[in-house]
Amino acid sequence: MAKRQIPVIVLAGFLGSGKTTLLNHLLRHSGGTRIGAVVNDFGKIEIDAMSVAGQVDSMVSLGNGCLCCAVDASELDGFLDRLARPAARIDVIVIEASGLAEPQEIIRMILASDNDSVVYGGLVEVVDGAEFSATRERHPELDRHVGIADLVVLNKADRIGDETRESLLETLAGLAPGTPVVPVSHGRIDPEMLFDRKPREDHLEAVRQLSFEDLLLADDEHDREHDHDHDHDHGEHCGEGCDHSGHLHSGYESVEFRSDTPMNPRRLMEFLDGRPEGLYRMKGFVHFGVAGHRDKFTLHAVGDFLRFYRSPWARSEERVTQMVMIGRGIDAGALKAGLEGCRDTAPEETEEHSMWGVLRYAQD
């Protein structure tokens, strides 16, 4: 009998298109299907990985560099080996590429894999319907990415009118003739468009909670061979003589910010309202010390769009603010200084109505 192979699906799309939102939707609606994930953040603070970690069955996280040049085919094999081990009982692997990765390079690595437990399962390109024109102008490569996709997801369809949506569907159909184009909102795509869902088996619930740490313990030597220290610059991923100046991410830079001190909501909103034009993407978690509003506020900003998502902190989760800002020609020092000035040294004295600006952009 032929050995069962695990499909590896590549989830790609430019910055802020909604890849992590779509992946989280798949994880929440996977039924009995066990999903392994490779999450590739652009930046040292791995916001996307933290967003996914609590829901995924097994995960490999790659920060501060694009997968397409951060690792080679043999290294990717190492990561896939972890997820494809029989003990993990994984049914499908999803690679969420960073917003500046070259999807065809990731596909090439999967096809070149020596791991006979996995098989390439297709490219899903997520397109931001609300920012399509601006993204296409900024990145003409978008046309090529759409053209090689096996499925195109037109995300944020709720934020555009019927006429614009129909025009976009026509444009995408022209870029990828014969390829399905699915309009969705908030990444809510039917998982069965990507993989066959298994019925959930309650008695296997304990098995479903197998963590990535469990996989690590199974083979310490394997980990030492393939693990990376993510606290270095992108150039250290590549090695001496590596030139990726033509890649999408070469013109971008990321700025990370962390604060153990709660943020002042009014000052933070002033900062966000005045963010520079070159700052294209912001994501992270914000901790406010204002009475009645000490929940976790997940920040999502793409271009002019800004939204907070409010949720409780996990019991073991550290109450800190962590942000990643991605842009072109941005002043990292000025951004950090601006956020430093948003710290709230006396949150107990901050009045509740100071949260109104934040709540205006909040969605529970």
Protein backbone atom coordinates (compact mmCIF):
# COMPACT_ATOMS: atom_id res chain seq x y z
CA MET A 1 0.00 0.00 0.00
CA ALA A 2 1.33 3.42 -0.92
CA LYS A 3 2.61 5.53 1.98
CA ARG A 4 0.28 8.36 2.93
CA GLN A 5 1.82 11.74 2.18
CA ILE A 6 0.99 14.94 4.04
CA PRO A 7 0.04 17.83 1.74
CA VAL A 8 2.01 21.05 2.27
CA ILE A 9 -0.02 24.15 1.41
CA VAL A 10 1.70 27.51 0.92
CA LEU A 11 -0.30 30.48 2.18
CA ALA A 12 1.07 33.67 0.61
CA GLY A 13 0.05 37.29 0.20
CA PHE A 14 1.47 40.75 0.70
CA LEU A 15 1.72 42.58 4.01
CA GLY A 16 -1.60 42.90 5.78
CA SER A 17 -3.61 40.86 3.30
CA GLY A 18 -4.99 38.68 6.08
CA LYS A 19 -2.93 35.47 5.95
CA THR A 20 -2.74 35.00 9.72
CA THR A 21 -6.46 35.73 10.07
CA LEU A 22 -7.20 33.09 7.43
CA LEU A 23 -4.86 30.57 9.09
CA ASN A 24 -6.49 31.13 12.47
CA HIS A 25 -9.89 30.60 10.83
CA LEU A 26 -8.68 27.28 9.41
CA LEU A 27 -7.41 26.21 12.82
CA ARG A 28 -10.69 27.07 14.54
CA HIS A 29 -12.77 25.23 11.93
CA SER A 30 -10.56 22.25 11.15
CA GLY A 31 -12.89 19.70 12.73
CA GLY A 32 -10.83 16.60 13.49
CA THR A 33 -8.06 17.55 11.04
CA ARG A 34 -4.70 18.08 12.71
CA ILE A 35 -2.84 21.03 11.19
CA GLY A 36 0.89 21.66 11.43
CA ALA A 37 2.07 25.18 10.66
CA VAL A 38 5.28 26.87 9.59
CA VAL A 39 4.87 30.56 10.42
CA ASN A 40 7.35 33.03 8.94
CA ASP A 41 7.30 36.53 10.48
CA PHE A 42 9.15 39.53 9.07
CA GLY A 43 10.69 40.98 12.24
CA LYS A 44 12.28 39.79 15.47
CA ILE A 45 9.09 39.94 17.53
CA GLU A 46 7.05 37.08 16.12
CA ILE A 47 3.54 38.55 16.28
CA ASP A 48 1.99 36.15 13.75
CA ALA A 49 3.48 33.12 15.50
CA MET A 50 2.10 34.27 18.85
CA SER A 51 -1.31 34.76 17.27
CA VAL A 52 -1.33 31.20 15.95
CA ALA A 53 0.51 29.29 18.70
CA GLY A 54 -2.45 28.79 21.02
CA GLN A 55 -4.54 26.99 18.40
CA VAL A 56 -2.20 24.99 16.20
CA ASP A 57 -1.43 21.33 16.85
CA SER A 58 2.26 21.66 16.02
CA MET A 59 4.22 24.69 14.84
CA VAL A 60 7.61 25.76 13.57
CA SER A 61 8.25 29.50 13.86
CA LEU A 62 10.77 31.37 11.72
CA GLY A 63 11.35 35.00 12.59
CA ASN A 64 13.39 37.90 11.23
CA GLY A 65 13.82 36.82 7.64
CA CYS A 66 11.89 35.52 4.66
CA LEU A 67 11.66 31.75 4.36
CA CYS A 68 12.52 31.96 0.67
CA CYS A 69 16.10 32.93 1.52
CA ALA A 70 16.34 32.33 5.29
CA VAL A 71 16.69 28.58 4.75
CA ASP A 72 17.51 26.23 1.91
CA ALA A 73 15.69 23.09 0.80
CA SER A 74 17.56 20.81 3.22
CA GLU A 75 16.76 23.08 6.16
CA LEU A 76 13.10 23.24 5.19
CA ASP A 77 13.20 19.43 5.12
CA GLY A 78 14.30 19.57 8.75
CA PHE A 79 11.32 21.67 9.73
CA LEU A 80 8.93 19.48 7.75
CA ASP A 81 10.45 16.38 9.38
CA ARG A 82 9.35 17.66 12.76
CA LEU A 83 5.79 18.14 11.65
CA ALA A 84 5.58 14.94 9.58
CA ARG A 85 6.64 12.56 12.36
CA PRO A 86 4.06 9.83 12.92
CA ALA A 87 3.79 10.75 16.61
CA ALA A 88 2.39 14.17 15.67
CA ARG A 89 -0.47 12.63 13.64
CA ILE A 90 -0.53 15.71 11.39
CA ASP A 91 -2.93 15.59 8.43
CA VAL A 92 -1.93 18.78 6.60
CA ILE A 93 0.89 21.33 6.87
CA VAL A 94 0.32 25.01 6.13
CA ILE A 95 3.29 27.31 5.49
CA GLU A 96 2.33 30.92 6.17
CA ALA A 97 4.96 32.87 4.26
CA SER A 98 5.97 36.33 5.37
CA GLY A 99 4.27 39.19 3.55
CA LEU A 100 7.43 39.84 1.54
CA ALA A 101 8.36 36.28 0.57
CA GLU A 102 8.67 34.99 -2.97
CA PRO A 103 6.12 32.13 -3.11
CA GLN A 104 7.66 30.43 -6.13
CA GLU A 105 10.93 30.00 -4.19
CA ILE A 106 9.09 28.28 -1.34
CA ILE A 107 7.29 26.04 -3.84
CA ARG A 108 10.62 25.17 -5.42
CA MET A 109 12.01 24.10 -2.03
CA ILE A 110 9.00 21.91 -1.29
CA LEU A 111 9.23 20.23 -4.70
CA ALA A 112 12.95 19.66 -4.12
CA SER A 113 12.33 18.07 -0.71
CA ASP A 114 13.84 14.67 0.02
CA ASN A 115 11.11 14.01 2.58
CA ASP A 116 8.83 11.36 1.07
CA SER A 117 6.27 11.93 3.85
CA VAL A 118 5.16 15.25 2.37
CA VAL A 119 3.83 16.41 -0.99
CA TYR A 120 3.23 19.88 -2.39
CA GLY A 121 -0.44 20.77 -1.84
CA GLY A 122 -0.79 24.03 -3.74
CA LEU A 123 -0.40 27.81 -3.42
CA VAL A 124 -3.13 29.94 -1.87
CA GLU A 125 -2.61 33.64 -2.64
CA VAL A 126 -4.46 36.02 -0.30
CA VAL A 127 -5.30 39.38 -1.89
CA ASP A 128 -6.34 42.46 0.07
CA GLY A 129 -9.47 43.70 -1.69
CA ALA A 130 -9.41 47.06 0.09
CA GLU A 131 -5.77 47.77 -0.77
CA PHE A 132 -5.47 45.95 -4.09
CA SER A 133 -4.70 48.94 -6.30
CA ALA A 134 -2.15 50.42 -3.88
CA THR A 135 -0.48 47.02 -3.37
CA ARG A 136 -0.34 46.35 -7.10
CA GLU A 137 1.22 49.76 -7.75
CA ARG A 138 3.77 49.20 -4.99
CA HIS A 139 4.43 45.58 -5.98
CA PRO A 140 3.93 44.77 -9.68
CA GLU A 141 5.03 41.24 -8.68
CA LEU A 142 1.49 40.73 -7.37
CA ASP A 143 0.33 39.90 -10.91
CA ARG A 144 2.88 37.10 -11.14
CA HIS A 145 2.03 35.73 -7.70
CA VAL A 146 -1.67 35.61 -8.57
CA GLY A 147 -0.84 33.98 -11.89
CA ILE A 148 0.88 30.97 -10.31
CA ALA A 149 -1.69 30.47 -7.53
CA ASP A 150 -3.91 27.39 -7.30
CA LEU A 151 -6.52 29.33 -5.36
CA VAL A 152 -6.92 33.11 -5.00
CA VAL A 153 -8.68 34.44 -1.89
CA LEU A 154 -10.06 37.96 -2.31
CA ASN A 155 -10.07 38.97 1.35
CA LYS A 156 -11.79 41.98 2.98
CA ALA A 157 -14.61 41.80 0.44
CA ASP A 158 -16.88 43.41 3.04
CA ARG A 159 -14.84 46.62 2.81
CA ILE A 160 -15.45 47.25 -0.88
CA GLY A 161 -18.63 47.96 -2.84
CA ASP A 162 -20.33 45.52 -5.20
CA GLU A 163 -19.07 47.30 -8.31
CA THR A 164 -15.46 47.35 -7.07
CA ARG A 165 -15.67 43.70 -6.04
CA GLU A 166 -16.95 42.62 -9.46
CA SER A 167 -14.21 44.64 -11.15
CA LEU A 168 -11.56 43.01 -8.94
CA LEU A 169 -12.91 39.54 -9.63
CA GLU A 170 -12.68 40.28 -13.35
CA THR A 171 -9.12 41.57 -12.99
CA LEU A 172 -8.03 38.53 -10.96
CA ALA A 173 -9.68 36.17 -13.43
CA GLY A 174 -7.63 37.82 -16.17
CA LEU A 175 -4.41 37.41 -14.19
CA ALA A 176 -5.11 33.77 -13.38
CA PRO A 177 -7.37 32.26 -16.08
CA GLY A 178 -9.18 29.18 -14.83
CA THR A 179 -8.04 29.64 -11.22
CA PRO A 180 -10.81 29.81 -8.60
CA VAL A 181 -11.17 33.25 -6.99
CA VAL A 182 -13.08 33.26 -3.71
CA PRO A 183 -14.28 36.54 -2.14
CA VAL A 184 -14.30 36.34 1.69
CA SER A 185 -14.44 38.60 4.72
CA HIS A 186 -12.11 38.23 7.72
CA GLY A 187 -10.38 35.25 6.06
CA ARG A 188 -13.48 33.05 6.50
CA ILE A 189 -12.94 30.49 3.79
CA ASP A 190 -14.36 26.98 3.84
CA PRO A 191 -11.44 24.76 5.01
CA GLU A 192 -12.56 22.05 2.59
CA MET A 193 -11.42 24.27 -0.26
CA LEU A 194 -7.88 23.61 1.00
CA PHE A 195 -8.04 20.15 2.54
CA ASP A 196 -10.42 17.32 3.43
CA ARG A 197 -11.66 17.77 6.96
CA LYS A 198 -11.87 14.80 9.28
CA PRO A 199 -14.70 14.47 11.80
CA ARG A 200 -13.66 15.53 15.29
CA GLU A 201 -13.12 12.64 17.68
CA ASP A 202 -13.61 13.77 21.25
CA HIS A 203 -11.65 10.88 22.70
CA LEU A 204 -8.59 12.08 20.78
CA GLU A 205 -8.81 15.59 22.26
CA ALA A 206 -5.79 14.96 24.48
CA VAL A 207 -3.78 13.84 21.45
CA ARG A 208 -4.83 17.03 19.60
CA GLN A 209 -3.06 19.11 22.23
CA LEU A 210 0.37 17.70 21.39
CA SER A 211 2.64 20.73 21.51
CA PHE A 212 5.64 21.68 19.46
CA GLU A 213 7.69 21.34 22.65
CA ASP A 214 6.69 17.65 22.75
CA LEU A 215 8.13 17.23 19.29
CA LEU A 216 11.34 18.96 20.29
CA LEU A 217 11.88 16.58 23.20
CA ALA A 218 11.60 13.62 20.84
CA ASP A 219 14.86 14.42 19.07
CA ASP A 220 17.25 16.86 20.74
CA GLU A 221 20.04 16.14 18.32
CA HIS A 222 17.78 16.87 15.35
CA ASP A 223 16.85 20.18 16.90
CA ARG A 224 20.42 21.26 17.51
CA GLU A 225 21.16 20.52 13.87
CA HIS A 226 18.28 22.50 12.41
CA ASP A 227 17.27 25.16 14.93
CA HIS A 228 18.18 28.80 14.26
CA ASP A 229 18.95 31.61 16.62
CA HIS A 230 16.40 34.23 15.54
CA ASP A 231 18.07 37.13 17.36
CA HIS A 232 20.19 38.14 14.40
CA ASP A 233 19.85 40.23 11.30
CA HIS A 234 18.48 38.97 8.01
CA GLY A 235 21.94 38.92 6.47
CA GLU A 236 23.09 36.30 8.98
CA HIS A 237 20.41 33.93 7.72
CA CYS A 238 21.85 33.98 4.27
CA GLY A 239 25.54 33.58 4.95
CA GLU A 240 28.48 35.31 3.37
CA GLY A 241 28.07 36.19 -0.28
CA CYS A 242 24.30 35.90 -0.19
CA ASP A 243 22.59 38.54 -2.34
CA HIS A 244 18.84 38.96 -2.16
CA SER A 245 18.70 42.58 -3.22
CA GLY A 246 16.12 41.69 -5.85
CA HIS A 247 13.72 40.14 -3.35
CA LEU A 248 10.65 42.00 -2.18
CA HIS A 249 11.85 42.41 1.38
CA SER A 250 15.14 44.07 0.43
CA GLY A 251 13.51 47.51 0.29
CA TYR A 252 11.64 47.11 3.58
CA GLU A 253 12.71 47.32 7.17
CA SER A 254 11.03 46.30 10.39
CA VAL A 255 11.08 48.09 13.73
CA GLU A 256 10.23 46.27 16.94
CA PHE A 257 8.91 47.81 20.14
CA ARG A 258 8.24 46.28 23.55
CA SER A 259 7.05 47.83 26.76
CA ASP A 260 6.44 46.25 30.15
CA THR A 261 4.82 49.53 31.20
CA PRO A 262 1.16 49.97 30.12
CA MET A 263 0.51 52.36 27.25
CA ASN A 264 -1.40 55.62 27.57
CA PRO A 265 -4.41 55.30 25.23
CA ARG A 266 -4.68 58.97 24.31
CA ARG A 267 -0.99 59.36 23.51
CA LEU A 268 -0.94 56.09 21.57
CA MET A 269 -3.87 57.21 19.41
CA GLU A 270 -2.08 60.48 18.69
CA PHE A 271 0.92 58.43 17.57
CA LEU A 272 -1.21 56.15 15.38
CA ASP A 273 -3.15 59.04 13.84
CA GLY A 274 0.12 60.67 12.82
CA ARG A 275 2.02 57.61 11.60
CA PRO A 276 4.27 58.40 8.61
CA GLU A 277 3.33 57.54 5.03
CA GLY A 278 6.15 55.02 4.62
CA LEU A 279 4.90 52.96 7.55
CA TYR A 280 2.78 50.45 5.70
CA ARG A 281 2.07 47.73 8.29
CA MET A 282 1.70 47.61 12.08
CA LYS A 283 0.74 44.58 14.14
CA GLY A 284 1.03 43.53 17.74
CA PHE A 285 -0.57 43.52 21.17
CA VAL A 286 -1.20 46.51 23.42
CA HIS A 287 -1.59 46.54 27.19
CA PHE A 288 -3.48 49.48 28.72
CA GLY A 289 -3.53 49.97 32.47
CA VAL A 290 -6.84 51.83 32.51
CA ALA A 291 -9.39 50.42 34.94
CA GLY A 292 -12.01 48.37 33.11
CA HIS A 293 -9.86 48.11 29.99
CA ARG A 294 -6.98 45.85 31.02
CA ASP A 295 -7.75 43.28 28.33
CA LYS A 296 -5.42 42.40 25.49
CA PHE A 297 -5.88 44.73 22.51
CA THR A 298 -4.55 43.20 19.28
CA LEU A 299 -3.48 45.94 16.88
CA HIS A 300 -3.81 45.60 13.11
CA ALA A 301 -2.97 48.45 10.74
CA VAL A 302 -2.52 48.36 6.96
CA GLY A 303 -2.07 51.67 5.18
CA ASP A 304 -4.79 53.96 6.52
CA PHE A 305 -6.81 51.08 7.97
CA LEU A 306 -6.63 50.66 11.77
CA ARG A 307 -8.40 48.18 14.00
CA PHE A 308 -8.10 46.87 17.57
CA TYR A 309 -9.44 43.46 18.60
CA ARG A 310 -10.18 43.06 22.28
CA SER A 311 -9.81 39.72 24.08
CA PRO A 312 -8.86 38.42 27.54
CA TRP A 313 -5.21 37.72 28.30
CA ALA A 314 -4.41 34.05 28.76
CA ARG A 315 -3.81 33.17 32.40
CA SER A 316 -0.09 32.55 31.84
CA GLU A 317 0.38 35.36 29.30
CA GLU A 318 2.69 38.23 30.13
CA ARG A 319 0.94 41.61 30.15
CA VAL A 320 3.21 43.55 27.84
CA THR A 321 2.94 45.67 24.71
CA GLN A 322 4.71 44.24 21.66
CA MET A 323 4.59 45.75 18.18
CA VAL A 324 6.22 45.24 14.81
CA MET A 325 6.22 48.09 12.29
CA ILE A 326 7.12 47.44 8.66
CA GLY A 327 7.76 50.11 6.08
CA ARG A 328 10.05 51.65 3.53
CA GLY A 329 12.28 54.66 4.27
CA ILE A 330 11.04 54.88 7.85
CA ASP A 331 12.93 56.51 10.72
CA ALA A 332 13.31 53.66 13.21
CA GLY A 333 14.66 55.92 15.95
CA ALA A 334 11.78 58.37 15.62
CA LEU A 335 9.19 55.58 15.67
CA LYS A 336 10.67 54.03 18.79
CA ALA A 337 10.96 57.42 20.48
CA GLY A 338 7.34 58.16 19.62
CA LEU A 339 6.17 54.93 21.20
CA GLU A 340 8.41 55.41 24.21
CA GLY A 341 6.55 58.65 24.79
CA CYS A 342 3.25 56.73 24.86
CA ARG A 343 4.14 54.82 28.02
CA ASP A 344 1.79 55.46 30.92
CA THR A 345 3.83 55.86 34.09
CA ALA A 346 0.73 56.40 36.24
CA PRO A 347 -2.05 54.25 34.69
CA GLU A 348 -4.07 54.31 37.90
CA GLU A 349 -4.55 58.04 37.36
CA THR A 350 -5.57 57.72 33.69
CA GLU A 351 -9.30 58.30 33.34
CA GLU A 352 -11.54 55.77 31.65
CA HIS A 353 -12.77 58.21 28.98
CA SER A 354 -9.22 58.37 27.61
CA MET A 355 -9.98 54.96 26.04
CA TRP A 356 -12.68 56.37 23.77
CA GLY A 357 -10.27 56.91 20.87
CA VAL A 358 -9.13 53.28 21.07
CA LEU A 359 -12.65 51.89 21.47
CA ARG A 360 -13.71 53.74 18.32
CA TYR A 361 -11.50 51.30 16.39
CA ALA A 362 -12.15 48.26 18.58
CA GLN A 363 -13.98 45.14 17.48
CA ASP A 364 -14.75 42.51 20.10
